[in-house]
Amino acid sequence: MIKTLTKHGNSLALVIEKPVLELLGADAETPFDITTDGQVLILSPIKDKGQSEAFSAALDKVNARYPKALKRLAE
């Protein structure tokens, strides 16, 4: 799907159609995490903040417990 940006005041907006929102399980109240690698824009719906925090805590625990193994895997 190719989209173009729409002028919205002094900003530009990206309109996301309802079928795409339904596929993501998102609506007008769903917050999105916006990230980029400098060339690609990534929009990810945030469904449950508690779940995100639990995942981050688990990730921190694994990183603290296995730093050498993870470093070797990254090489």
N, C-alpha and C. Protein backbone atom coordinates (compact mmCIF):
# COMPACT_ATOMS: atom_id res chain seq x y z
N MET A 1 0.84 -1.17 0.00
CA MET A 1 0.00 0.00 0.00
C MET A 1 0.89 1.24 0.00
N ILE A 2 0.64 2.13 -0.90
CA ILE A 2 1.39 3.37 -0.98
C ILE A 2 0.50 4.49 -0.44
N LYS A 3 1.06 5.28 0.47
CA LYS A 3 0.32 6.37 1.09
C LYS A 3 1.07 7.68 0.87
N THR A 4 0.34 8.77 0.89
CA THR A 4 0.96 10.09 0.86
C THR A 4 0.55 10.83 2.13
N LEU A 5 1.37 11.77 2.53
CA LEU A 5 1.09 12.56 3.72
C LEU A 5 0.08 13.64 3.38
N THR A 6 -0.73 13.99 4.37
CA THR A 6 -1.76 15.01 4.23
C THR A 6 -1.41 16.20 5.10
N LYS A 7 -1.57 17.41 4.56
CA LYS A 7 -1.29 18.62 5.34
C LYS A 7 -2.32 18.73 6.46
N HIS A 8 -1.82 18.98 7.68
CA HIS A 8 -2.68 19.12 8.86
C HIS A 8 -2.13 20.28 9.69
N GLY A 9 -2.63 21.49 9.43
CA GLY A 9 -2.09 22.68 10.07
C GLY A 9 -0.67 22.90 9.59
N ASN A 10 0.28 23.07 10.52
CA ASN A 10 1.69 23.23 10.16
C ASN A 10 2.43 21.90 10.11
N SER A 11 1.70 20.80 10.21
CA SER A 11 2.30 19.46 10.23
C SER A 11 1.81 18.64 9.05
N LEU A 12 2.32 17.44 8.95
CA LEU A 12 1.84 16.48 7.97
C LEU A 12 1.30 15.28 8.73
N ALA A 13 0.24 14.66 8.19
CA ALA A 13 -0.40 13.52 8.85
C ALA A 13 -0.45 12.34 7.90
N LEU A 14 -0.43 11.16 8.49
CA LEU A 14 -0.59 9.93 7.73
C LEU A 14 -1.92 9.32 8.14
N VAL A 15 -2.84 9.18 7.21
CA VAL A 15 -4.16 8.63 7.50
C VAL A 15 -4.08 7.12 7.38
N ILE A 16 -4.52 6.43 8.43
CA ILE A 16 -4.52 4.97 8.44
C ILE A 16 -5.97 4.50 8.33
N GLU A 17 -6.28 3.73 7.30
CA GLU A 17 -7.64 3.30 7.05
C GLU A 17 -8.12 2.31 8.11
N LYS A 18 -9.43 2.27 8.30
CA LYS A 18 -10.05 1.43 9.31
C LYS A 18 -9.68 -0.04 9.18
N PRO A 19 -9.65 -0.65 7.98
CA PRO A 19 -9.27 -2.06 7.90
C PRO A 19 -7.87 -2.35 8.45
N VAL A 20 -6.95 -1.42 8.25
CA VAL A 20 -5.59 -1.60 8.77
C VAL A 20 -5.60 -1.50 10.29
N LEU A 21 -6.35 -0.52 10.81
CA LEU A 21 -6.47 -0.37 12.26
C LEU A 21 -7.10 -1.62 12.89
N GLU A 22 -8.12 -2.15 12.23
CA GLU A 22 -8.76 -3.37 12.74
C GLU A 22 -7.79 -4.54 12.75
N LEU A 23 -6.98 -4.64 11.71
CA LEU A 23 -5.98 -5.71 11.63
C LEU A 23 -4.99 -5.61 12.79
N LEU A 24 -4.64 -4.39 13.17
CA LEU A 24 -3.71 -4.15 14.27
C LEU A 24 -4.38 -4.21 15.64
N GLY A 25 -5.71 -4.24 15.65
CA GLY A 25 -6.43 -4.18 16.92
C GLY A 25 -6.33 -2.81 17.56
N ALA A 26 -6.27 -1.78 16.74
CA ALA A 26 -6.09 -0.41 17.22
C ALA A 26 -7.31 0.43 16.88
N ASP A 27 -7.46 1.52 17.61
CA ASP A 27 -8.51 2.49 17.32
C ASP A 27 -7.98 3.89 17.60
N ALA A 28 -8.86 4.88 17.63
CA ALA A 28 -8.43 6.27 17.81
C ALA A 28 -7.78 6.51 19.17
N GLU A 29 -8.04 5.65 20.14
CA GLU A 29 -7.49 5.81 21.49
C GLU A 29 -6.19 5.04 21.71
N THR A 30 -5.78 4.23 20.75
CA THR A 30 -4.59 3.40 20.90
C THR A 30 -3.32 4.24 20.75
N PRO A 31 -2.44 4.23 21.75
CA PRO A 31 -1.16 4.94 21.58
C PRO A 31 -0.23 4.12 20.67
N PHE A 32 0.60 4.82 19.94
CA PHE A 32 1.56 4.16 19.05
C PHE A 32 2.97 4.55 19.44
N ASP A 33 3.88 3.58 19.37
CA ASP A 33 5.31 3.83 19.55
C ASP A 33 5.86 4.10 18.15
N ILE A 34 6.55 5.22 17.98
CA ILE A 34 7.11 5.59 16.68
C ILE A 34 8.62 5.53 16.78
N THR A 35 9.23 4.70 15.94
CA THR A 35 10.68 4.58 15.91
C THR A 35 11.15 4.69 14.47
N THR A 36 12.44 4.92 14.31
CA THR A 36 13.03 5.00 12.97
C THR A 36 14.48 4.57 13.03
N ASP A 37 14.96 4.07 11.92
CA ASP A 37 16.39 3.77 11.80
C ASP A 37 17.07 4.83 10.93
N GLY A 38 16.37 5.91 10.66
CA GLY A 38 16.89 6.98 9.82
C GLY A 38 16.37 6.93 8.40
N GLN A 39 15.83 5.76 8.00
CA GLN A 39 15.29 5.63 6.65
C GLN A 39 13.89 5.04 6.65
N VAL A 40 13.55 4.29 7.69
CA VAL A 40 12.26 3.62 7.77
C VAL A 40 11.54 4.09 9.02
N LEU A 41 10.25 4.38 8.88
CA LEU A 41 9.42 4.77 10.00
C LEU A 41 8.63 3.55 10.45
N ILE A 42 8.65 3.24 11.75
CA ILE A 42 7.97 2.07 12.28
C ILE A 42 6.94 2.53 13.30
N LEU A 43 5.67 2.21 13.06
CA LEU A 43 4.58 2.52 13.98
C LEU A 43 4.13 1.22 14.61
N SER A 44 4.16 1.16 15.94
CA SER A 44 3.75 -0.05 16.65
C SER A 44 2.71 0.32 17.69
N PRO A 45 1.51 -0.31 17.61
CA PRO A 45 0.51 0.00 18.61
C PRO A 45 0.94 -0.51 19.99
N ILE A 46 0.70 0.30 21.02
CA ILE A 46 0.99 -0.10 22.38
C ILE A 46 -0.34 -0.55 22.98
N LYS A 47 -0.47 -1.85 23.20
CA LYS A 47 -1.76 -2.37 23.64
C LYS A 47 -1.89 -2.41 25.15
N ASP A 48 -0.82 -2.71 25.85
CA ASP A 48 -0.90 -2.83 27.31
C ASP A 48 0.41 -2.37 27.90
N LYS A 49 0.39 -1.22 28.54
CA LYS A 49 1.62 -0.67 29.10
C LYS A 49 2.24 -1.60 30.12
N GLY A 50 1.43 -2.27 30.92
CA GLY A 50 1.95 -3.21 31.91
C GLY A 50 2.69 -4.36 31.26
N GLN A 51 2.19 -4.84 30.14
CA GLN A 51 2.85 -5.92 29.41
C GLN A 51 4.19 -5.44 28.87
N SER A 52 4.23 -4.22 28.36
CA SER A 52 5.47 -3.66 27.84
C SER A 52 6.50 -3.51 28.95
N GLU A 53 6.05 -3.04 30.12
CA GLU A 53 6.96 -2.88 31.26
C GLU A 53 7.47 -4.22 31.76
N ALA A 54 6.60 -5.24 31.77
CA ALA A 54 7.00 -6.58 32.19
C ALA A 54 8.05 -7.15 31.22
N PHE A 55 7.85 -6.91 29.92
CA PHE A 55 8.81 -7.40 28.93
C PHE A 55 10.15 -6.71 29.12
N SER A 56 10.13 -5.40 29.34
CA SER A 56 11.38 -4.66 29.55
C SER A 56 12.11 -5.15 30.79
N ALA A 57 11.37 -5.43 31.86
CA ALA A 57 11.99 -5.94 33.09
C ALA A 57 12.61 -7.31 32.85
N ALA A 58 11.90 -8.17 32.12
CA ALA A 58 12.43 -9.50 31.82
C ALA A 58 13.67 -9.40 30.94
N LEU A 59 13.66 -8.49 29.98
CA LEU A 59 14.81 -8.29 29.10
C LEU A 59 16.01 -7.80 29.90
N ASP A 60 15.80 -6.87 30.82
CA ASP A 60 16.89 -6.39 31.68
C ASP A 60 17.47 -7.53 32.52
N LYS A 61 16.60 -8.39 33.03
CA LYS A 61 17.04 -9.52 33.85
C LYS A 61 17.91 -10.49 33.04
N VAL A 62 17.49 -10.80 31.82
CA VAL A 62 18.26 -11.70 30.95
C VAL A 62 19.59 -11.06 30.59
N ASN A 63 19.58 -9.77 30.25
CA ASN A 63 20.82 -9.08 29.90
C ASN A 63 21.80 -9.06 31.07
N ALA A 64 21.28 -8.91 32.29
CA ALA A 64 22.15 -8.89 33.47
C ALA A 64 22.69 -10.28 33.79
N ARG A 65 21.90 -11.31 33.53
CA ARG A 65 22.29 -12.68 33.89
C ARG A 65 23.24 -13.31 32.87
N TYR A 66 23.08 -12.99 31.59
CA TYR A 66 23.85 -13.65 30.54
C TYR A 66 24.59 -12.66 29.63
N PRO A 67 25.30 -11.68 30.15
CA PRO A 67 25.92 -10.68 29.27
C PRO A 67 26.98 -11.27 28.34
N LYS A 68 27.80 -12.21 28.83
CA LYS A 68 28.86 -12.78 27.99
C LYS A 68 28.29 -13.62 26.86
N ALA A 69 27.30 -14.44 27.19
CA ALA A 69 26.68 -15.29 26.14
C ALA A 69 26.01 -14.43 25.09
N LEU A 70 25.31 -13.39 25.51
CA LEU A 70 24.64 -12.53 24.54
C LEU A 70 25.64 -11.78 23.67
N LYS A 71 26.75 -11.40 24.25
CA LYS A 71 27.79 -10.72 23.47
C LYS A 71 28.36 -11.66 22.42
N ARG A 72 28.61 -12.91 22.80
CA ARG A 72 29.14 -13.90 21.84
C ARG A 72 28.13 -14.15 20.73
N LEU A 73 26.85 -14.22 21.06
CA LEU A 73 25.82 -14.43 20.04
C LEU A 73 25.74 -13.26 19.06
N ALA A 74 26.02 -12.06 19.54
CA ALA A 74 25.94 -10.88 18.70
C ALA A 74 27.11 -10.76 17.73
N GLU A 75 28.19 -11.48 18.01
CA GLU A 75 29.38 -11.38 17.15
C GLU A 75 29.22 -12.14 15.86
